[in-house]
Structures are given as C-alpha cells and as structure tokens.
Amino acid sequence: MKKTLSFLFLFNSALLSQSPFYSIKFNVSPSPFAPENASYSVSWQSCKFDYKPVMPSGDYWFGNDTSALDWNALPDTMYGKAICSNPDTCYGQAFEVSNQAMMWENFLKFTITKTYPENGSSSTMIIVFPVLIKAFVTYIDLGQFFFNEGFYELTDDIVYRIDDKKHVHLSLPKNYSWEKINVEKRKIKL
C-alpha cells in the first residue's frame, strides 16, 4: 500500500510539474530566379488578449477548443486588450524556437528581413496568423518557402491536425501559393 501511495504521489507531482509547450519552425529560401549574396534575420512576436476565453470543453489545459473569436473582424477594442512579448530576433534562413507557454488564441508576427551586404539595402516579408485550436502542446511548422517581399496573413490558410496525444500541429497546405495582401487591408492589426 505504501508503494502504491508513493507511486501515485510521484506520478501526480510529475504531471503538475509539466508546462504547456510550443515549437515553431520554418526555412526561408532565396528566390530561385535571382541568386544573391544576402543575409537573413527573423524578428518574431507573440501577442495574446487579456480576456476570459470561451471554452466549450471546460478544460483549459487539455481540451482542444477552437477559438470563438471572429479573427476576420476583430473589433479594435480587442487590440487594446493585447499583451505582446518583446520581439526576439534570430539570424539565418532556418528559424526554430520552442518554449513553455500556451499558444491558443495568440497571434504571431514574423518579420523576415533580407539584407544585401554589398550596398546595405534590405527588403521585408511579414507573416501574421493566430493559433485557433487549443492544445497543451502545439507544433507550428511552416515548412520551406521562398522569400518574397510583402505582407502575408495566413489566418484562413493554416491547416490544423490533432494527433492521438491531443497535440495540435499547424502547417500550410502542400504546394501552398503565397499571396501577399495590401497591409492596409490586413485583418490582424499587429
């Protein structure tokens, strides 16, 4: 009996010591039509709203709830409730980051800057999207894509898959066609 109680105590302690986790990765390739000698940097930021979310499952940590917010028409008052992390910057074409945090209803912004060392000029590609399905563990993999200057809002394009452990995987469809939008027409105002 003592061994059983000790095991249960250790098992429960291990469960309570775990934290939510996310991983984000992608790889930026130079344009195949214009070989160049350029350097890349990725600045990224995560924002979340300071409000009580709607959770039909009633399980904040392990339920796979879908965001009830209308991300295509968020009222400006919601942005006043946004809490954003300080931007982090990584250098190179391969971007990979992970940490312990819940990513549900966070919206992410990636600013990829390509700089030409010969003349110091640069161009920017901005990618923005929210995480719409909740999971204790979230994997975001945008794959490999070509650098293309402009603003890209992926809210309606991200594909979500829930595995047998209830982890959520976000990716882009195979052969995804990147289409930039006019920044004034963006829906997520980050």
C-alpha atoms as a PDB file:
ATOM      1  CA  MET A   1       0.000   0.000   0.000  1.00  0.00           C
ATOM      2  CA  LYS A   2       2.830   2.414   0.841  1.00  0.00           C
ATOM      3  CA  LYS A   3       4.487   1.726  -2.518  1.00  0.00           C
ATOM      4  CA  THR A   4       1.222   2.441  -4.344  1.00  0.00           C
ATOM      5  CA  LEU A   5       0.719   5.720  -2.486  1.00  0.00           C
ATOM      6  CA  SER A   6       4.333   6.751  -3.147  1.00  0.00           C
ATOM      7  CA  PHE A   7       3.931   5.979  -6.852  1.00  0.00           C
ATOM      8  CA  LEU A   8       0.677   7.947  -7.082  1.00  0.00           C
ATOM      9  CA  PHE A   9       2.260  10.919  -5.312  1.00  0.00           C
ATOM     10  CA  LEU A  10       5.264  10.913  -7.663  1.00  0.00           C
ATOM     11  CA  PHE A  11       3.037  10.434 -10.728  1.00  0.00           C
ATOM     12  CA  ASN A  12       0.769  13.360  -9.744  1.00  0.00           C
ATOM     13  CA  SER A  13       3.786  15.529  -8.918  1.00  0.00           C
ATOM     14  CA  ALA A  14       5.274  14.804 -12.348  1.00  0.00           C
ATOM     15  CA  LEU A  15       2.007  15.752 -14.048  1.00  0.00           C
ATOM     16  CA  LEU A  16       1.742  19.005 -12.113  1.00  0.00           C
ATOM     17  CA  SER A  17       5.348  19.951 -12.900  1.00  0.00           C
ATOM     18  CA  GLN A  18       4.759  19.895 -16.651  1.00  0.00           C
ATOM     19  CA  SER A  19       4.096  23.101 -18.545  1.00  0.00           C
ATOM     20  CA  PRO A  20       2.418  23.810 -21.878  1.00  0.00           C
ATOM     21  CA  PHE A  21       4.872  23.707 -24.776  1.00  0.00           C
ATOM     22  CA  TYR A  22       5.163  25.098 -28.302  1.00  0.00           C
ATOM     23  CA  SER A  23       7.614  24.714 -31.130  1.00  0.00           C
ATOM     24  CA  ILE A  24       7.802  26.901 -34.261  1.00  0.00           C
ATOM     25  CA  LYS A  25       9.973  26.289 -37.284  1.00  0.00           C
ATOM     26  CA  PHE A  26      10.379  27.210 -40.943  1.00  0.00           C
ATOM     27  CA  ASN A  27      13.093  27.713 -43.520  1.00  0.00           C
ATOM     28  CA  VAL A  28      13.358  30.707 -45.867  1.00  0.00           C
ATOM     29  CA  SER A  29      14.931  30.160 -49.282  1.00  0.00           C
ATOM     30  CA  PRO A  30      16.261  32.871 -51.587  1.00  0.00           C
ATOM     31  CA  SER A  31      14.390  33.421 -54.816  1.00  0.00           C
ATOM     32  CA  PRO A  32      15.272  30.750 -57.405  1.00  0.00           C
ATOM     33  CA  PHE A  33      15.248  33.433 -60.120  1.00  0.00           C
ATOM     34  CA  ALA A  34      17.741  35.826 -58.539  1.00  0.00           C
ATOM     35  CA  PRO A  35      20.736  34.130 -56.939  1.00  0.00           C
ATOM     36  CA  GLU A  36      22.183  36.515 -54.400  1.00  0.00           C
ATOM     37  CA  ASN A  37      24.563  37.015 -51.566  1.00  0.00           C
ATOM     38  CA  ALA A  38      22.174  38.114 -48.806  1.00  0.00           C
ATOM     39  CA  SER A  39      21.822  37.605 -45.078  1.00  0.00           C
ATOM     40  CA  TYR A  40      18.529  36.915 -43.304  1.00  0.00           C
ATOM     41  CA  SER A  41      17.103  37.738 -39.901  1.00  0.00           C
ATOM     42  CA  VAL A  42      13.745  36.823 -38.404  1.00  0.00           C
ATOM     43  CA  SER A  43      12.173  39.010 -35.740  1.00  0.00           C
ATOM     44  CA  TRP A  44       9.107  37.456 -34.157  1.00  0.00           C
ATOM     45  CA  GLN A  45       6.492  38.450 -31.624  1.00  0.00           C
ATOM     46  CA  SER A  46       3.599  36.717 -29.887  1.00  0.00           C
ATOM     47  CA  CYS A  47       0.511  38.569 -28.624  1.00  0.00           C
ATOM     48  CA  LYS A  48      -2.463  37.379 -26.587  1.00  0.00           C
ATOM     49  CA  PHE A  49      -5.612  39.039 -25.337  1.00  0.00           C
ATOM     50  CA  ASP A  50      -6.203  39.802 -21.679  1.00  0.00           C
ATOM     51  CA  TYR A  51      -9.759  38.472 -21.502  1.00  0.00           C
ATOM     52  CA  LYS A  52     -11.669  35.346 -20.466  1.00  0.00           C
ATOM     53  CA  PRO A  53     -11.786  32.983 -23.483  1.00  0.00           C
ATOM     54  CA  VAL A  54     -14.788  30.820 -24.390  1.00  0.00           C
ATOM     55  CA  MET A  55     -14.005  27.131 -23.719  1.00  0.00           C
ATOM     56  CA  PRO A  56     -16.843  24.733 -24.611  1.00  0.00           C
ATOM     57  CA  SER A  57     -14.799  21.769 -23.321  1.00  0.00           C
ATOM     58  CA  GLY A  58     -14.401  23.420 -19.921  1.00  0.00           C
ATOM     59  CA  ASP A  59     -10.804  22.133 -19.883  1.00  0.00           C
ATOM     60  CA  TYR A  60      -8.317  24.981 -20.277  1.00  0.00           C
ATOM     61  CA  TRP A  61      -5.223  22.799 -20.351  1.00  0.00           C
ATOM     62  CA  PHE A  62      -6.127  19.709 -22.322  1.00  0.00           C
ATOM     63  CA  GLY A  63      -9.351  20.427 -24.255  1.00  0.00           C
ATOM     64  CA  ASN A  64      -8.904  21.041 -27.986  1.00  0.00           C
ATOM     65  CA  ASP A  65     -11.244  24.039 -28.141  1.00  0.00           C
ATOM     66  CA  THR A  66     -11.466  26.180 -31.270  1.00  0.00           C
ATOM     67  CA  SER A  67     -11.287  29.940 -30.862  1.00  0.00           C
ATOM     68  CA  ALA A  68     -14.731  31.557 -30.730  1.00  0.00           C
ATOM     69  CA  LEU A  69     -13.295  34.928 -31.826  1.00  0.00           C
ATOM     70  CA  ASP A  70     -14.039  36.159 -35.340  1.00  0.00           C
ATOM     71  CA  TRP A  71     -10.440  36.684 -36.429  1.00  0.00           C
ATOM     72  CA  ASN A  72     -11.544  38.165 -39.736  1.00  0.00           C
ATOM     73  CA  ALA A  73     -13.343  41.046 -37.995  1.00  0.00           C
ATOM     74  CA  LEU A  74     -11.874  41.620 -34.530  1.00  0.00           C
ATOM     75  CA  PRO A  75     -13.114  44.895 -33.022  1.00  0.00           C
ATOM     76  CA  ASP A  76     -10.446  47.498 -32.354  1.00  0.00           C
ATOM     77  CA  THR A  77     -11.292  47.280 -28.629  1.00  0.00           C
ATOM     78  CA  MET A  78      -9.790  43.761 -28.591  1.00  0.00           C
ATOM     79  CA  TYR A  79      -6.408  45.129 -29.657  1.00  0.00           C
ATOM     80  CA  GLY A  80      -6.478  47.359 -26.569  1.00  0.00           C
ATOM     81  CA  LYS A  81      -6.515  44.100 -24.579  1.00  0.00           C
ATOM     82  CA  ALA A  82      -3.472  42.680 -26.370  1.00  0.00           C
ATOM     83  CA  ILE A  83      -0.345  41.843 -24.414  1.00  0.00           C
ATOM     84  CA  CYS A  84       2.661  41.348 -26.694  1.00  0.00           C
ATOM     85  CA  SER A  85       6.056  39.858 -25.991  1.00  0.00           C
ATOM     86  CA  ASN A  86       9.142  41.845 -26.830  1.00  0.00           C
ATOM     87  CA  PRO A  87      10.328  40.849 -30.301  1.00  0.00           C
ATOM     88  CA  ASP A  88      13.066  38.224 -30.419  1.00  0.00           C
ATOM     89  CA  THR A  89      15.454  38.094 -33.376  1.00  0.00           C
ATOM     90  CA  CYS A  90      17.126  35.047 -34.897  1.00  0.00           C
ATOM     91  CA  TYR A  91      19.697  35.156 -37.705  1.00  0.00           C
ATOM     92  CA  GLY A  92      19.896  32.897 -40.731  1.00  0.00           C
ATOM     93  CA  GLN A  93      17.428  31.246 -43.081  1.00  0.00           C
ATOM     94  CA  ALA A  94      16.421  28.412 -40.740  1.00  0.00           C
ATOM     95  CA  PHE A  95      14.124  29.573 -37.929  1.00  0.00           C
ATOM     96  CA  GLU A  96      13.350  27.359 -34.965  1.00  0.00           C
ATOM     97  CA  VAL A  97      12.179  28.289 -31.493  1.00  0.00           C
ATOM     98  CA  SER A  98      10.423  26.496 -28.652  1.00  0.00           C
ATOM     99  CA  ASN A  99       9.332  27.417 -25.163  1.00  0.00           C
ATOM    100  CA  GLN A 100       6.877  26.635 -22.423  1.00  0.00           C
ATOM    101  CA  ALA A 101       3.648  28.554 -22.958  1.00  0.00           C
ATOM    102  CA  MET A 102       0.060  28.039 -24.106  1.00  0.00           C
ATOM    103  CA  MET A 103      -0.272  29.343 -27.687  1.00  0.00           C
ATOM    104  CA  TRP A 104      -4.064  29.191 -28.080  1.00  0.00           C
ATOM    105  CA  GLU A 105      -5.564  32.489 -29.296  1.00  0.00           C
ATOM    106  CA  ASN A 106      -2.109  34.030 -29.519  1.00  0.00           C
ATOM    107  CA  PHE A 107      -1.385  35.795 -32.750  1.00  0.00           C
ATOM    108  CA  LEU A 108       2.108  35.598 -34.162  1.00  0.00           C
ATOM    109  CA  LYS A 109       4.055  38.008 -36.310  1.00  0.00           C
ATOM    110  CA  PHE A 110       7.267  37.101 -38.148  1.00  0.00           C
ATOM    111  CA  THR A 111       9.284  39.837 -39.831  1.00  0.00           C
ATOM    112  CA  ILE A 112      11.862  38.327 -42.166  1.00  0.00           C
ATOM    113  CA  THR A 113      14.475  40.808 -43.331  1.00  0.00           C
ATOM    114  CA  LYS A 114      16.815  40.119 -46.235  1.00  0.00           C
ATOM    115  CA  THR A 115      19.877  42.378 -46.276  1.00  0.00           C
ATOM    116  CA  TYR A 116      22.372  42.721 -49.120  1.00  0.00           C
ATOM    117  CA  PRO A 117      25.893  43.250 -47.719  1.00  0.00           C
ATOM    118  CA  GLU A 118      27.178  44.889 -50.929  1.00  0.00           C
ATOM    119  CA  ASN A 119      25.048  48.009 -50.557  1.00  0.00           C
ATOM    120  CA  GLY A 120      23.260  47.602 -47.184  1.00  0.00           C
ATOM    121  CA  SER A 121      19.773  47.644 -48.751  1.00  0.00           C
ATOM    122  CA  SER A 122      17.103  45.359 -47.369  1.00  0.00           C
ATOM    123  CA  SER A 123      13.603  44.076 -48.020  1.00  0.00           C
ATOM    124  CA  THR A 124      11.000  42.644 -45.644  1.00  0.00           C
ATOM    125  CA  MET A 125       8.486  39.801 -45.651  1.00  0.00           C
ATOM    126  CA  ILE A 126       5.883  39.871 -42.835  1.00  0.00           C
ATOM    127  CA  ILE A 127       3.812  36.816 -41.857  1.00  0.00           C
ATOM    128  CA  VAL A 128       0.898  37.062 -39.381  1.00  0.00           C
ATOM    129  CA  PHE A 129      -1.602  34.472 -38.096  1.00  0.00           C
ATOM    130  CA  PRO A 130      -3.403  33.375 -34.908  1.00  0.00           C
ATOM    131  CA  VAL A 131      -3.391  29.937 -33.271  1.00  0.00           C
ATOM    132  CA  LEU A 132      -7.062  28.908 -33.434  1.00  0.00           C
ATOM    133  CA  ILE A 133      -7.108  25.459 -31.769  1.00  0.00           C
ATOM    134  CA  LYS A 134      -6.027  24.894 -28.170  1.00  0.00           C
ATOM    135  CA  ALA A 135      -3.556  22.262 -27.049  1.00  0.00           C
ATOM    136  CA  PHE A 136      -1.180  21.700 -24.164  1.00  0.00           C
ATOM    137  CA  VAL A 137       1.470  21.028 -26.830  1.00  0.00           C
ATOM    138  CA  THR A 138       1.460  22.991 -30.110  1.00  0.00           C
ATOM    139  CA  TYR A 139       3.767  22.395 -33.089  1.00  0.00           C
ATOM    140  CA  ILE A 140       3.928  25.019 -35.839  1.00  0.00           C
ATOM    141  CA  ASP A 141       5.836  24.091 -38.994  1.00  0.00           C
ATOM    142  CA  LEU A 142       5.502  26.429 -41.978  1.00  0.00           C
ATOM    143  CA  GLY A 143       7.962  24.309 -43.975  1.00  0.00           C
ATOM    144  CA  GLN A 144      10.306  25.774 -46.554  1.00  0.00           C
ATOM    145  CA  PHE A 145       9.254  28.756 -48.636  1.00  0.00           C
ATOM    146  CA  PHE A 146      10.810  31.366 -50.886  1.00  0.00           C
ATOM    147  CA  PHE A 147      11.439  34.854 -49.552  1.00  0.00           C
ATOM    148  CA  ASN A 148       9.008  37.254 -51.198  1.00  0.00           C
ATOM    149  CA  GLU A 149       8.758  40.839 -50.002  1.00  0.00           C
ATOM    150  CA  GLY A 150       5.328  41.865 -48.679  1.00  0.00           C
ATOM    151  CA  PHE A 151       2.655  41.230 -46.044  1.00  0.00           C
ATOM    152  CA  TYR A 152       1.085  37.767 -45.654  1.00  0.00           C
ATOM    153  CA  GLU A 153      -1.871  36.994 -43.406  1.00  0.00           C
ATOM    154  CA  LEU A 154      -2.311  33.212 -43.053  1.00  0.00           C
ATOM    155  CA  THR A 155      -5.387  33.110 -40.771  1.00  0.00           C
ATOM    156  CA  ASP A 156      -7.584  31.234 -43.261  1.00  0.00           C
ATOM    157  CA  ASP A 157      -4.760  29.169 -44.773  1.00  0.00           C
ATOM    158  CA  ILE A 158      -3.227  27.299 -41.822  1.00  0.00           C
ATOM    159  CA  VAL A 159      -4.104  23.594 -41.630  1.00  0.00           C
ATOM    160  CA  TYR A 160      -4.704  22.129 -38.140  1.00  0.00           C
ATOM    161  CA  ARG A 161      -4.219  18.475 -37.219  1.00  0.00           C
ATOM    162  CA  ILE A 162      -4.753  16.940 -33.778  1.00  0.00           C
ATOM    163  CA  ASP A 163      -2.724  13.794 -33.118  1.00  0.00           C
ATOM    164  CA  ASP A 164      -3.637  10.888 -30.827  1.00  0.00           C
ATOM    165  CA  LYS A 165      -1.948  12.655 -27.864  1.00  0.00           C
ATOM    166  CA  LYS A 166      -4.189  15.715 -28.395  1.00  0.00           C
ATOM    167  CA  HIS A 167      -1.198  17.766 -29.582  1.00  0.00           C
ATOM    168  CA  VAL A 168      -2.016  20.313 -32.274  1.00  0.00           C
ATOM    169  CA  HIS A 169       0.100  20.577 -35.440  1.00  0.00           C
ATOM    170  CA  LEU A 170      -0.153  23.707 -37.618  1.00  0.00           C
ATOM    171  CA  SER A 171       1.185  23.733 -41.164  1.00  0.00           C
ATOM    172  CA  LEU A 172       0.490  25.130 -44.603  1.00  0.00           C
ATOM    173  CA  PRO A 173      -1.146  23.051 -47.341  1.00  0.00           C
ATOM    174  CA  LYS A 174       1.175  21.171 -49.674  1.00  0.00           C
ATOM    175  CA  ASN A 175       2.245  23.395 -52.615  1.00  0.00           C
ATOM    176  CA  TYR A 176       0.848  26.446 -50.819  1.00  0.00           C
ATOM    177  CA  SER A 177       0.688  29.558 -53.013  1.00  0.00           C
ATOM    178  CA  TRP A 178       1.866  32.597 -51.051  1.00  0.00           C
ATOM    179  CA  GLU A 179      -0.277  35.615 -51.875  1.00  0.00           C
ATOM    180  CA  LYS A 180       0.611  38.942 -50.351  1.00  0.00           C
ATOM    181  CA  ILE A 181      -2.013  41.451 -49.326  1.00  0.00           C
ATOM    182  CA  ASN A 182      -2.030  45.198 -49.006  1.00  0.00           C
ATOM    183  CA  VAL A 183      -1.049  45.956 -45.398  1.00  0.00           C
ATOM    184  CA  GLU A 184      -3.933  48.452 -45.114  1.00  0.00           C
ATOM    185  CA  LYS A 185      -6.375  45.591 -45.801  1.00  0.00           C
ATOM    186  CA  ARG A 186      -4.993  43.329 -43.075  1.00  0.00           C
ATOM    187  CA  LYS A 187      -7.445  41.832 -40.605  1.00  0.00           C
ATOM    188  CA  ILE A 188      -4.980  41.297 -37.751  1.00  0.00           C
ATOM    189  CA  LYS A 189      -3.636  44.702 -36.777  1.00  0.00           C
ATOM    190  CA  LEU A 190      -0.292  43.760 -35.290  1.00  0.00           C
END
